[in-house]
Amino acid sequence: MSKISFGPGAMLAPVPAVLVSSGSVEKPNVCTVAWTGIINTKPSQTYISLRKSRYSHSIISKTGEFVINLTPSSMVRICDRCGVYSGRDRDKFADCSLTAEPSQTVEAPSIAESPVSIECRVRSCIELGSHDMFIADVTAVRIDEKIVDPSGRICLEKAGLCAYVHGEYYSLGKKIGSFGFSVKKKQKKYSPSETGRKAKVKKPQNERRNKS
């Protein structure tokens, strides 16, 4: 494989395209963020990277709270619109017909239309250059009951989430594997005839008891 060098750049992909809400239920703001991810499990920690010029940067710097709302493909136009306009100039919740609902652990509102809302409290802010990284503790995760099955398993595959790839949005495709599948031992499959023979070999419990 022959590769062409383009020098250093933000080429990692795909990445999430999320809606980050901040402020309060009475005065909510939302922006689109692609530079985000999980950085620790215990305690659960995440981050978002924002330019200082963004309106959300000033709000989060002041309040120390935000909510990461995952974006389904059905909301991709809203997600893009929230990244084009600034909350300084318009109420993006009203503009995009989004509902600001109270969060469980932070004053920052969640987006009711999002299937997953991750509530965050800022732990620290690192100035990196073009962006500042807000490192935050995850204080709660609230999930739409429609994507939680009766056993309590979270079925994120039902959320229809989208991803961001170098300036383009994509809906997630079909499942091609799960963690550990490459080393998982394959279970031996029996044909119907083999299954029948195995059943015949097994003797009834009372017969085994009489011969003992």
Protein backbone atom coordinates (compact mmCIF):
# COMPACT_ATOMS: atom_id res chain seq x y z
CA MET A 1 0.00 0.00 0.00
CA SER A 2 1.44 3.35 -1.07
CA LYS A 3 0.63 6.33 1.15
CA ILE A 4 1.01 10.08 0.54
CA SER A 5 2.19 12.27 3.42
CA PHE A 6 0.05 15.31 4.23
CA GLY A 7 1.89 16.35 7.38
CA PRO A 8 0.19 16.79 10.79
CA GLY A 9 -3.55 17.35 10.87
CA ALA A 10 -6.82 16.49 12.61
CA MET A 11 -7.48 13.42 10.47
CA LEU A 12 -8.84 10.99 13.07
CA ALA A 13 -12.21 9.66 11.91
CA PRO A 14 -14.94 8.82 12.45
CA VAL A 15 -15.74 10.93 15.51
CA PRO A 16 -19.06 11.67 17.22
CA ALA A 17 -21.19 14.60 16.11
CA VAL A 18 -22.83 15.66 19.36
CA LEU A 19 -24.97 18.51 20.62
CA VAL A 20 -23.48 20.11 23.74
CA SER A 21 -26.02 22.02 25.81
CA SER A 22 -25.11 24.57 28.46
CA GLY A 23 -26.58 27.46 30.42
CA SER A 24 -29.92 26.82 32.13
CA VAL A 25 -33.40 25.56 31.27
CA GLU A 26 -34.60 29.18 31.31
CA LYS A 27 -31.73 30.34 29.07
CA PRO A 28 -30.34 27.34 27.19
CA ASN A 29 -27.59 27.25 24.60
CA VAL A 30 -26.41 24.47 22.33
CA CYS A 31 -23.44 23.96 20.03
CA THR A 32 -22.17 21.18 17.80
CA VAL A 33 -18.97 19.43 18.86
CA ALA A 34 -16.94 16.73 17.12
CA TRP A 35 -13.84 16.82 19.32
CA THR A 36 -15.12 14.73 22.23
CA GLY A 37 -14.59 11.30 23.72
CA ILE A 38 -14.14 9.15 26.83
CA ILE A 39 -10.80 9.51 28.66
CA ASN A 40 -11.34 7.42 31.80
CA THR A 41 -13.69 4.77 33.18
CA LYS A 42 -13.41 5.02 36.97
CA PRO A 43 -14.24 7.77 37.63
CA SER A 44 -16.10 8.22 34.36
CA GLN A 45 -14.57 11.19 32.58
CA THR A 46 -15.00 12.81 29.20
CA TYR A 47 -13.90 15.95 27.40
CA ILE A 48 -14.94 18.47 24.80
CA SER A 49 -12.58 20.81 22.96
CA LEU A 50 -13.85 24.28 22.07
CA ARG A 51 -12.39 27.40 20.51
CA LYS A 52 -12.29 30.39 22.86
CA SER A 53 -14.35 32.34 20.32
CA ARG A 54 -17.37 30.09 20.70
CA TYR A 55 -20.24 31.35 22.81
CA SER A 56 -20.49 28.00 24.61
CA HIS A 57 -16.88 28.38 25.77
CA SER A 58 -17.74 31.46 27.84
CA ILE A 59 -20.86 29.83 29.31
CA ILE A 60 -19.13 26.58 30.30
CA SER A 61 -16.14 28.49 31.69
CA LYS A 62 -18.54 30.36 33.97
CA THR A 63 -20.89 27.55 35.02
CA GLY A 64 -18.52 24.58 34.94
CA GLU A 65 -21.25 22.34 33.53
CA PHE A 66 -22.50 20.97 30.22
CA VAL A 67 -24.44 18.05 28.76
CA ILE A 68 -23.32 15.93 25.80
CA ASN A 69 -26.40 14.89 23.82
CA LEU A 70 -25.88 12.13 21.26
CA THR A 71 -27.24 12.80 17.80
CA PRO A 72 -29.41 10.35 15.83
CA SER A 73 -29.36 10.57 12.04
CA SER A 74 -32.87 12.03 12.16
CA MET A 75 -31.42 15.12 13.87
CA VAL A 76 -28.36 15.60 11.64
CA ARG A 77 -29.74 18.78 10.02
CA ILE A 78 -30.29 20.27 13.48
CA CYS A 79 -26.82 19.18 14.52
CA ASP A 80 -25.26 20.92 11.54
CA ARG A 81 -27.35 24.08 11.99
CA CYS A 82 -26.29 24.37 15.63
CA GLY A 83 -22.67 24.34 14.47
CA VAL A 84 -23.15 27.05 11.86
CA TYR A 85 -24.89 29.71 13.94
CA SER A 86 -23.82 31.27 17.24
CA GLY A 87 -25.93 31.46 20.38
CA ARG A 88 -24.87 35.09 20.67
CA ASP A 89 -27.08 35.92 17.70
CA ARG A 90 -30.08 33.62 18.14
CA ASP A 91 -31.87 31.19 20.42
CA LYS A 92 -30.85 27.93 18.77
CA PHE A 93 -33.23 25.87 20.91
CA ALA A 94 -36.16 27.87 19.55
CA ASP A 95 -34.65 28.07 16.08
CA CYS A 96 -34.34 24.28 15.85
CA SER A 97 -37.50 23.42 17.82
CA LEU A 98 -35.46 21.69 20.54
CA THR A 99 -36.80 21.14 24.04
CA ALA A 100 -34.62 22.11 27.00
CA GLU A 101 -35.42 19.77 29.88
CA PRO A 102 -34.00 19.69 33.42
CA SER A 103 -30.98 17.46 33.95
CA GLN A 104 -30.59 15.18 36.94
CA THR A 105 -27.28 16.38 38.45
CA VAL A 106 -26.36 19.67 36.73
CA GLU A 107 -28.06 22.99 36.05
CA ALA A 108 -27.19 22.78 32.35
CA PRO A 109 -30.24 21.58 30.40
CA SER A 110 -30.50 18.36 28.44
CA ILE A 111 -32.08 18.04 25.00
CA ALA A 112 -35.33 16.08 25.28
CA GLU A 113 -35.17 14.92 21.65
CA SER A 114 -31.74 13.28 22.09
CA PRO A 115 -31.78 9.53 22.92
CA VAL A 116 -28.80 9.84 25.28
CA SER A 117 -27.82 12.78 27.50
CA ILE A 118 -24.49 12.68 29.36
CA GLU A 119 -24.35 15.16 32.22
CA CYS A 120 -20.90 16.60 32.93
CA ARG A 121 -19.17 18.76 35.52
CA VAL A 122 -15.89 20.39 34.53
CA ARG A 123 -12.83 19.18 36.43
CA SER A 124 -10.23 21.26 34.60
CA CYS A 125 -9.59 23.22 31.42
CA ILE A 126 -6.40 22.85 29.41
CA GLU A 127 -5.38 25.54 26.92
CA LEU A 128 -3.96 23.69 23.92
CA GLY A 129 -3.74 26.27 21.12
CA SER A 130 -6.62 26.54 18.70
CA HIS A 131 -8.88 24.83 21.24
CA ASP A 132 -9.32 24.57 25.00
CA MET A 133 -10.07 21.12 26.38
CA PHE A 134 -12.70 20.91 29.11
CA ILE A 135 -12.08 17.72 31.07
CA ALA A 136 -15.18 16.72 32.98
CA ASP A 137 -16.60 14.10 35.32
CA VAL A 138 -19.68 12.30 34.06
CA THR A 139 -22.23 12.82 36.82
CA ALA A 140 -25.20 11.06 35.19
CA VAL A 141 -26.29 9.40 31.96
CA ARG A 142 -29.96 9.46 31.01
CA ILE A 143 -31.20 7.22 28.21
CA ASP A 144 -34.49 7.10 26.31
CA GLU A 145 -36.49 4.16 27.67
CA LYS A 146 -37.30 3.15 24.08
CA ILE A 147 -33.72 1.92 23.58
CA VAL A 148 -33.53 -0.02 26.85
CA ASP A 149 -34.86 -3.59 26.65
CA PRO A 150 -36.86 -5.36 29.43
CA SER A 151 -33.67 -6.89 30.86
CA GLY A 152 -32.11 -3.44 31.24
CA ARG A 153 -29.66 -3.76 28.34
CA ILE A 154 -28.93 -0.50 26.54
CA CYS A 155 -29.60 -1.02 22.83
CA LEU A 156 -27.66 1.89 21.31
CA GLU A 157 -27.96 0.26 17.90
CA LYS A 158 -31.62 1.30 17.99
CA ALA A 159 -30.72 4.96 18.47
CA GLY A 160 -29.64 5.40 14.82
CA LEU A 161 -26.62 7.52 15.75
CA CYS A 162 -24.56 9.42 13.20
CA ALA A 163 -20.83 10.12 12.92
CA TYR A 164 -18.62 12.86 11.48
CA VAL A 165 -15.88 12.11 8.96
CA HIS A 166 -13.70 14.99 7.77
CA GLY A 167 -16.50 17.48 7.14
CA GLU A 168 -19.20 14.95 6.26
CA TYR A 169 -21.97 13.32 8.31
CA TYR A 170 -22.67 9.60 8.03
CA SER A 171 -25.28 7.30 9.52
CA LEU A 172 -23.77 4.27 11.22
CA GLY A 173 -23.98 1.10 9.16
CA LYS A 174 -24.49 -2.57 9.97
CA LYS A 175 -22.83 -4.36 12.85
CA ILE A 176 -19.65 -6.17 11.74
CA GLY A 177 -18.43 -7.54 15.06
CA SER A 178 -18.43 -7.14 18.83
CA PHE A 179 -15.67 -6.81 21.40
CA GLY A 180 -13.62 -10.01 21.65
CA PHE A 181 -15.23 -11.76 18.67
CA SER A 182 -11.83 -12.25 16.99
CA VAL A 183 -10.64 -14.59 19.74
CA LYS A 184 -13.94 -16.12 20.78
CA LYS A 185 -14.12 -19.90 20.34
CA LYS A 186 -16.68 -21.03 17.83
CA GLN A 187 -19.42 -23.27 19.16
CA LYS A 188 -19.70 -26.58 17.36
CA LYS A 189 -22.84 -26.80 15.27
CA TYR A 190 -24.70 -30.10 14.99
CA SER A 191 -26.92 -31.14 12.12
CA PRO A 192 -30.52 -32.15 12.89
CA SER A 193 -29.58 -35.85 12.43
CA GLU A 194 -26.64 -35.54 14.84
CA THR A 195 -28.81 -33.78 17.38
CA GLY A 196 -31.33 -36.62 17.16
CA ARG A 197 -28.65 -39.29 17.68
CA LYS A 198 -27.31 -37.46 20.72
CA ALA A 199 -30.78 -37.36 22.21
CA LYS A 200 -31.20 -41.15 21.72
CA VAL A 201 -27.92 -41.95 23.46
CA LYS A 202 -28.98 -40.23 26.67
CA LYS A 203 -30.86 -42.72 28.89
CA PRO A 204 -33.83 -41.81 31.08
CA GLN A 205 -32.97 -40.96 34.67
CA ASN A 206 -35.10 -43.80 36.17
CA GLU A 207 -33.30 -46.40 33.99
CA ARG A 208 -29.92 -45.19 35.21
CA ARG A 209 -31.16 -45.36 38.80
CA ASN A 210 -32.36 -49.06 38.43
CA LYS A 211 -28.94 -50.18 37.18
CA SER A 212 -27.03 -48.48 39.96
